[in-house]
Amino acid sequence: MARRGMMSENLKYEIAKELGVYNVVKSEGWGSVSSRDCGNIVAKAIEIAERNVSK
């Protein structure tokens, strides 16, 4: 069974831009983003989600 992503594509791209990895995603795809950067993207998404829940 395929898992569906919980993070919207728009959010992923916005965070990638903010963290400076958008050019890698744009030119080489998500598979070329380092594990560290992927972890940073997830951490940022969690931070945003937690801020939104507390509002």
PDB file of N, CA and C in Angstrom:
ATOM      1  N   MET A   1       0.839  -1.174   0.000  1.00  0.00           N
ATOM      2  CA  MET A   1       0.000   0.000   0.000  1.00  0.00           C
ATOM      3  C   MET A   1       0.889   1.244   0.000  1.00  0.00           C
ATOM      4  N   ALA A   2       0.652   2.124  -0.929  1.00  0.00           N
ATOM      5  CA  ALA A   2       1.443   3.349  -1.034  1.00  0.00           C
ATOM      6  C   ALA A   2       0.990   4.357   0.012  1.00  0.00           C
ATOM      7  N   ARG A   3       1.964   5.009   0.620  1.00  0.00           N
ATOM      8  CA  ARG A   3       1.636   6.058   1.594  1.00  0.00           C
ATOM      9  C   ARG A   3       1.508   7.378   0.869  1.00  0.00           C
ATOM     10  N   ARG A   4       0.541   8.116   1.268  1.00  0.00           N
ATOM     11  CA  ARG A   4       0.339   9.434   0.688  1.00  0.00           C
ATOM     12  C   ARG A   4       1.004  10.467   1.587  1.00  0.00           C
ATOM     13  N   GLY A   5       1.705  11.406   1.004  1.00  0.00           N
ATOM     14  CA  GLY A   5       2.402  12.417   1.778  1.00  0.00           C
ATOM     15  C   GLY A   5       1.453  13.313   2.553  1.00  0.00           C
ATOM     16  N   MET A   6       1.883  13.689   3.720  1.00  0.00           N
ATOM     17  CA  MET A   6       1.066  14.553   4.566  1.00  0.00           C
ATOM     18  C   MET A   6       1.382  16.027   4.325  1.00  0.00           C
ATOM     19  N   MET A   7       2.531  16.296   3.767  1.00  0.00           N
ATOM     20  CA  MET A   7       2.950  17.670   3.537  1.00  0.00           C
ATOM     21  C   MET A   7       2.606  18.058   2.104  1.00  0.00           C
ATOM     22  N   SER A   8       1.969  19.200   1.916  1.00  0.00           N
ATOM     23  CA  SER A   8       1.604  19.623   0.568  1.00  0.00           C
ATOM     24  C   SER A   8       2.869  19.910  -0.250  1.00  0.00           C
ATOM     25  N   GLU A   9       2.740  19.753  -1.532  1.00  0.00           N
ATOM     26  CA  GLU A   9       3.867  20.043  -2.426  1.00  0.00           C
ATOM     27  C   GLU A   9       4.273  21.508  -2.305  1.00  0.00           C
ATOM     28  N   ASN A  10       3.294  22.389  -2.216  1.00  0.00           N
ATOM     29  CA  ASN A  10       3.605  23.820  -2.092  1.00  0.00           C
ATOM     30  C   ASN A  10       4.425  24.099  -0.842  1.00  0.00           C
ATOM     31  N   LEU A  11       4.053  23.479   0.264  1.00  0.00           N
ATOM     32  CA  LEU A  11       4.796  23.683   1.514  1.00  0.00           C
ATOM     33  C   LEU A  11       6.223  23.171   1.372  1.00  0.00           C
ATOM     34  N   LYS A  12       6.391  22.002   0.775  1.00  0.00           N
ATOM     35  CA  LYS A  12       7.744  21.452   0.590  1.00  0.00           C
ATOM     36  C   LYS A  12       8.616  22.405  -0.224  1.00  0.00           C
ATOM     37  N   TYR A  13       8.055  22.940  -1.306  1.00  0.00           N
ATOM     38  CA  TYR A  13       8.829  23.848  -2.146  1.00  0.00           C
ATOM     39  C   TYR A  13       9.143  25.155  -1.425  1.00  0.00           C
ATOM     40  N   GLU A  14       8.193  25.683  -0.664  1.00  0.00           N
ATOM     41  CA  GLU A  14       8.436  26.915   0.078  1.00  0.00           C
ATOM     42  C   GLU A  14       9.541  26.720   1.113  1.00  0.00           C
ATOM     43  N   ILE A  15       9.499  25.602   1.818  1.00  0.00           N
ATOM     44  CA  ILE A  15      10.541  25.333   2.818  1.00  0.00           C
ATOM     45  C   ILE A  15      11.886  25.108   2.132  1.00  0.00           C
ATOM     46  N   ALA A  16      11.887  24.405   1.013  1.00  0.00           N
ATOM     47  CA  ALA A  16      13.134  24.189   0.266  1.00  0.00           C
ATOM     48  C   ALA A  16      13.742  25.521  -0.154  1.00  0.00           C
ATOM     49  N   LYS A  17      12.895  26.449  -0.589  1.00  0.00           N
ATOM     50  CA  LYS A  17      13.395  27.784  -0.951  1.00  0.00           C
ATOM     51  C   LYS A  17      13.985  28.470   0.264  1.00  0.00           C
ATOM     52  N   GLU A  18      13.270  28.409   1.385  1.00  0.00           N
ATOM     53  CA  GLU A  18      13.722  29.061   2.616  1.00  0.00           C
ATOM     54  C   GLU A  18      15.058  28.493   3.094  1.00  0.00           C
ATOM     55  N   LEU A  19      15.248  27.182   2.936  1.00  0.00           N
ATOM     56  CA  LEU A  19      16.471  26.536   3.419  1.00  0.00           C
ATOM     57  C   LEU A  19      17.588  26.495   2.372  1.00  0.00           C
ATOM     58  N   GLY A  20      17.313  27.029   1.178  1.00  0.00           N
ATOM     59  CA  GLY A  20      18.352  27.132   0.161  1.00  0.00           C
ATOM     60  C   GLY A  20      18.620  25.871  -0.641  1.00  0.00           C
ATOM     61  N   VAL A  21      17.675  24.941  -0.679  1.00  0.00           N
ATOM     62  CA  VAL A  21      17.880  23.719  -1.465  1.00  0.00           C
ATOM     63  C   VAL A  21      16.948  23.631  -2.674  1.00  0.00           C
ATOM     64  N   TYR A  22      16.199  24.689  -2.923  1.00  0.00           N
ATOM     65  CA  TYR A  22      15.242  24.672  -4.029  1.00  0.00           C
ATOM     66  C   TYR A  22      15.919  24.435  -5.377  1.00  0.00           C
ATOM     67  N   ASN A  23      17.075  25.032  -5.583  1.00  0.00           N
ATOM     68  CA  ASN A  23      17.759  24.861  -6.871  1.00  0.00           C
ATOM     69  C   ASN A  23      18.130  23.403  -7.128  1.00  0.00           C
ATOM     70  N   VAL A  24      18.512  22.687  -6.077  1.00  0.00           N
ATOM     71  CA  VAL A  24      18.818  21.256  -6.216  1.00  0.00           C
ATOM     72  C   VAL A  24      17.547  20.498  -6.601  1.00  0.00           C
ATOM     73  N   VAL A  25      16.448  20.802  -5.916  1.00  0.00           N
ATOM     74  CA  VAL A  25      15.173  20.141  -6.202  1.00  0.00           C
ATOM     75  C   VAL A  25      14.756  20.438  -7.630  1.00  0.00           C
ATOM     76  N   LYS A  26      14.862  21.687  -8.016  1.00  0.00           N
ATOM     77  CA  LYS A  26      14.439  22.122  -9.350  1.00  0.00           C
ATOM     78  C   LYS A  26      15.260  21.465 -10.451  1.00  0.00           C
ATOM     79  N   SER A  27      16.559  21.377 -10.252  1.00  0.00           N
ATOM     80  CA  SER A  27      17.420  20.866 -11.320  1.00  0.00           C
ATOM     81  C   SER A  27      17.608  19.352 -11.286  1.00  0.00           C
ATOM     82  N   GLU A  28      17.587  18.738 -10.081  1.00  0.00           N
ATOM     83  CA  GLU A  28      17.910  17.318  -9.977  1.00  0.00           C
ATOM     84  C   GLU A  28      16.819  16.467  -9.350  1.00  0.00           C
ATOM     85  N   GLY A  29      15.810  17.108  -8.754  1.00  0.00           N
ATOM     86  CA  GLY A  29      14.728  16.369  -8.120  1.00  0.00           C
ATOM     87  C   GLY A  29      14.977  16.142  -6.643  1.00  0.00           C
ATOM     88  N   TRP A  30      13.926  15.680  -5.954  1.00  0.00           N
ATOM     89  CA  TRP A  30      14.002  15.480  -4.509  1.00  0.00           C
ATOM     90  C   TRP A  30      15.013  14.405  -4.122  1.00  0.00           C
ATOM     91  N   GLY A  31      15.264  13.446  -5.004  1.00  0.00           N
ATOM     92  CA  GLY A  31      16.204  12.367  -4.706  1.00  0.00           C
ATOM     93  C   GLY A  31      17.634  12.835  -4.527  1.00  0.00           C
ATOM     94  N   SER A  32      17.936  14.025  -4.999  1.00  0.00           N
ATOM     95  CA  SER A  32      19.293  14.564  -4.874  1.00  0.00           C
ATOM     96  C   SER A  32      19.491  15.435  -3.648  1.00  0.00           C
ATOM     97  N   VAL A  33      18.440  15.661  -2.895  1.00  0.00           N
ATOM     98  CA  VAL A  33      18.545  16.463  -1.678  1.00  0.00           C
ATOM     99  C   VAL A  33      19.142  15.574  -0.583  1.00  0.00           C
ATOM    100  N   SER A  34      20.105  16.097   0.132  1.00  0.00           N
ATOM    101  CA  SER A  34      20.778  15.296   1.157  1.00  0.00           C
ATOM    102  C   SER A  34      19.815  14.908   2.277  1.00  0.00           C
ATOM    103  N   SER A  35      20.163  13.840   2.960  1.00  0.00           N
ATOM    104  CA  SER A  35      19.353  13.394   4.098  1.00  0.00           C
ATOM    105  C   SER A  35      19.266  14.477   5.163  1.00  0.00           C
ATOM    106  N   ARG A  36      20.353  15.160   5.385  1.00  0.00           N
ATOM    107  CA  ARG A  36      20.372  16.243   6.374  1.00  0.00           C
ATOM    108  C   ARG A  36      19.380  17.334   5.986  1.00  0.00           C
ATOM    109  N   ASP A  37      19.404  17.731   4.710  1.00  0.00           N
ATOM    110  CA  ASP A  37      18.483  18.769   4.260  1.00  0.00           C
ATOM    111  C   ASP A  37      17.036  18.300   4.309  1.00  0.00           C
ATOM    112  N   CYS A  38      16.792  17.042   3.979  1.00  0.00           N
ATOM    113  CA  CYS A  38      15.432  16.493   4.089  1.00  0.00           C
ATOM    114  C   CYS A  38      14.970  16.530   5.544  1.00  0.00           C
ATOM    115  N   GLY A  39      15.850  16.187   6.451  1.00  0.00           N
ATOM    116  CA  GLY A  39      15.520  16.253   7.868  1.00  0.00           C
ATOM    117  C   GLY A  39      15.218  17.676   8.308  1.00  0.00           C
ATOM    118  N   ASN A  40      15.979  18.618   7.782  1.00  0.00           N
ATOM    119  CA  ASN A  40      15.734  20.022   8.111  1.00  0.00           C
ATOM    120  C   ASN A  40      14.387  20.495   7.560  1.00  0.00           C
ATOM    121  N   ILE A  41      14.019  19.998   6.390  1.00  0.00           N
ATOM    122  CA  ILE A  41      12.719  20.337   5.806  1.00  0.00           C
ATOM    123  C   ILE A  41      11.599  19.790   6.687  1.00  0.00           C
ATOM    124  N   VAL A  42      11.733  18.563   7.120  1.00  0.00           N
ATOM    125  CA  VAL A  42      10.716  17.954   7.993  1.00  0.00           C
ATOM    126  C   VAL A  42      10.638  18.708   9.319  1.00  0.00           C
ATOM    127  N   ALA A  43      11.789  19.037   9.891  1.00  0.00           N
ATOM    128  CA  ALA A  43      11.801  19.766  11.162  1.00  0.00           C
ATOM    129  C   ALA A  43      11.102  21.118  11.023  1.00  0.00           C
ATOM    130  N   LYS A  44      11.355  21.803   9.920  1.00  0.00           N
ATOM    131  CA  LYS A  44      10.716  23.096   9.676  1.00  0.00           C
ATOM    132  C   LYS A  44       9.211  22.929   9.503  1.00  0.00           C
ATOM    133  N   ALA A  45       8.786  21.882   8.807  1.00  0.00           N
ATOM    134  CA  ALA A  45       7.358  21.621   8.614  1.00  0.00           C
ATOM    135  C   ALA A  45       6.680  21.343   9.952  1.00  0.00           C
ATOM    136  N   ILE A  46       7.349  20.601  10.821  1.00  0.00           N
ATOM    137  CA  ILE A  46       6.804  20.320  12.157  1.00  0.00           C
ATOM    138  C   ILE A  46       6.691  21.615  12.950  1.00  0.00           C
ATOM    139  N   GLU A  47       7.701  22.448  12.870  1.00  0.00           N
ATOM    140  CA  GLU A  47       7.680  23.737  13.566  1.00  0.00           C
ATOM    141  C   GLU A  47       6.485  24.582  13.097  1.00  0.00           C
ATOM    142  N   ILE A  48       6.265  24.620  11.799  1.00  0.00           N
ATOM    143  CA  ILE A  48       5.143  25.388  11.240  1.00  0.00           C
ATOM    144  C   ILE A  48       3.827  24.799  11.717  1.00  0.00           C
ATOM    145  N   ALA A  49       3.703  23.473  11.698  1.00  0.00           N
ATOM    146  CA  ALA A  49       2.470  22.801  12.125  1.00  0.00           C
ATOM    147  C   ALA A  49       2.190  23.090  13.597  1.00  0.00           C
ATOM    148  N   GLU A  50       3.214  23.035  14.428  1.00  0.00           N
ATOM    149  CA  GLU A  50       3.035  23.294  15.848  1.00  0.00           C
ATOM    150  C   GLU A  50       2.606  24.733  16.107  1.00  0.00           C
ATOM    151  N   ARG A  51       3.160  25.665  15.339  1.00  0.00           N
ATOM    152  CA  ARG A  51       2.746  27.072  15.479  1.00  0.00           C
ATOM    153  C   ARG A  51       1.277  27.235  15.097  1.00  0.00           C
ATOM    154  N   ASN A  52       0.863  26.560  14.029  1.00  0.00           N
ATOM    155  CA  ASN A  52      -0.514  26.666  13.562  1.00  0.00           C
ATOM    156  C   ASN A  52      -1.493  26.036  14.532  1.00  0.00           C
ATOM    157  N   VAL A  53      -1.097  24.970  15.193  1.00  0.00           N
ATOM    158  CA  VAL A  53      -1.976  24.292  16.158  1.00  0.00           C
ATOM    159  C   VAL A  53      -2.164  25.176  17.391  1.00  0.00           C
ATOM    160  N   SER A  54      -1.115  25.873  17.792  1.00  0.00           N
ATOM    161  CA  SER A  54      -1.198  26.682  19.006  1.00  0.00           C
ATOM    162  C   SER A  54      -1.992  27.970  18.811  1.00  0.00           C
ATOM    163  N   LYS A  55      -2.298  28.320  17.566  1.00  0.00           N
ATOM    164  CA  LYS A  55      -3.062  29.550  17.300  1.00  0.00           C
ATOM    165  C   LYS A  55      -4.513  29.377  17.557  1.00  0.00           C
TER     166      LYS A  55
END
